[in-house]
Every structure is written in structure tokens, then in C-alpha cells.
Amino acid sequence: MEEYRDAVRGREVSLVDLLDRLLGTGAVVSGSLTLGIAGVDLVRVDLRALLSSVNDGVPSPWRGGGPL
């Protein structure tokens, strides 16, 4: 990981290039939120999302290939 940080340190990257790379390779975003009072958990929300592009090399996961 340290090698990667050294390679990109001081390098300017445009938002379009970053988004293109992110969607080209895909990414998983996950998180958790817990609401509670006095140490008692009342509500818990978990989030997991997959960000990826769909093209000829990566077909749509839905039947027929169309949108939901």
C-alpha cells in the first residue's frame, strides 16, 4: 500500500479520470449506522453497494439486459 501512496503523491488526477477508473474496475461501498439511547441500540442500518459499469465485457446482471 505504501508503494501505491508514493506513486500517486503529488500527482493531479481529474474527477473524470477517477470516475472512469472506479467504474471500469468496480468498487464496493459498505457502512453501518446504529442509533441508540443510553447504551441501548434502537435502530441499525447496514449498507452495501456495488458500483460498476455495464458493457459488452461486463454484461447486465438482469434478465434481458435492460434497466429494472
Protein backbone atom coordinates (compact mmCIF):
# COMPACT_ATOMS: atom_id res chain seq x y z
CA MET A 1 0.00 0.00 0.00
CA GLU A 2 2.88 2.35 0.78
CA GLU A 3 4.25 1.88 -2.76
CA TYR A 4 0.89 2.98 -4.19
CA ARG A 5 0.81 6.09 -2.00
CA ASP A 6 4.30 7.06 -3.13
CA ALA A 7 3.31 6.58 -6.79
CA VAL A 8 0.31 8.92 -6.61
CA ARG A 9 1.66 11.51 -4.18
CA GLY A 10 1.88 14.92 -5.83
CA ARG A 11 0.03 13.74 -8.94
CA GLU A 12 -3.07 15.61 -10.08
CA VAL A 13 -5.99 13.40 -11.09
CA SER A 14 -9.15 14.78 -12.65
CA LEU A 15 -12.55 13.71 -11.36
CA VAL A 16 -13.45 12.22 -14.76
CA ASP A 17 -10.34 10.01 -14.76
CA LEU A 18 -11.05 8.88 -11.21
CA LEU A 19 -14.68 8.07 -12.02
CA ASP A 20 -13.68 6.24 -15.21
CA ARG A 21 -11.22 4.09 -13.32
CA LEU A 22 -13.65 3.45 -10.47
CA LEU A 23 -16.47 2.33 -12.78
CA GLY A 24 -14.09 0.37 -15.01
CA THR A 25 -12.79 -1.78 -12.18
CA GLY A 26 -15.76 -1.58 -9.82
CA ALA A 27 -15.90 -0.81 -6.12
CA VAL A 28 -17.84 -1.94 -3.09
CA VAL A 29 -19.10 0.66 -0.62
CA SER A 30 -20.26 -0.52 2.80
CA GLY A 31 -21.25 1.15 6.01
CA SER A 32 -23.22 0.75 9.19
CA LEU A 33 -25.25 3.18 11.30
CA THR A 34 -26.62 2.44 14.77
CA LEU A 35 -28.93 4.75 16.68
CA GLY A 36 -29.36 4.20 20.39
CA ILE A 37 -30.23 5.83 23.69
CA ALA A 38 -28.46 5.18 26.99
CA GLY A 39 -26.41 2.33 25.55
CA VAL A 40 -29.45 0.52 24.10
CA ASP A 41 -29.39 0.04 20.32
CA LEU A 42 -32.75 1.03 18.82
CA VAL A 43 -32.16 1.15 15.05
CA ARG A 44 -29.42 -0.40 12.95
CA VAL A 45 -28.95 0.26 9.23
CA ASP A 46 -26.39 -1.60 7.12
CA LEU A 47 -25.48 -0.51 3.60
CA ARG A 48 -23.63 -2.40 0.90
CA ALA A 49 -23.48 -1.13 -2.66
CA LEU A 50 -21.61 -2.29 -5.74
CA LEU A 51 -20.53 0.40 -8.21
CA SER A 52 -19.60 -0.88 -11.65
CA SER A 53 -20.14 -0.14 -15.31
CA VAL A 54 -22.01 -2.44 -17.70
CA ASN A 55 -20.68 -3.00 -21.21
CA ASP A 56 -20.02 -5.87 -23.65
CA GLY A 57 -17.24 -7.23 -21.43
CA VAL A 58 -19.39 -6.99 -18.29
CA PRO A 59 -22.99 -7.78 -19.19
CA SER A 60 -26.00 -6.62 -17.21
CA PRO A 61 -26.93 -8.92 -14.30
CA TRP A 62 -30.66 -8.59 -15.09
CA ARG A 63 -32.51 -10.85 -17.45
CA GLY A 64 -32.79 -9.26 -20.89
CA GLY A 65 -30.04 -6.72 -20.11
CA GLY A 66 -32.45 -3.81 -19.74
CA PRO A 67 -32.96 -1.49 -16.81
CA LEU A 68 -35.08 -2.51 -13.84
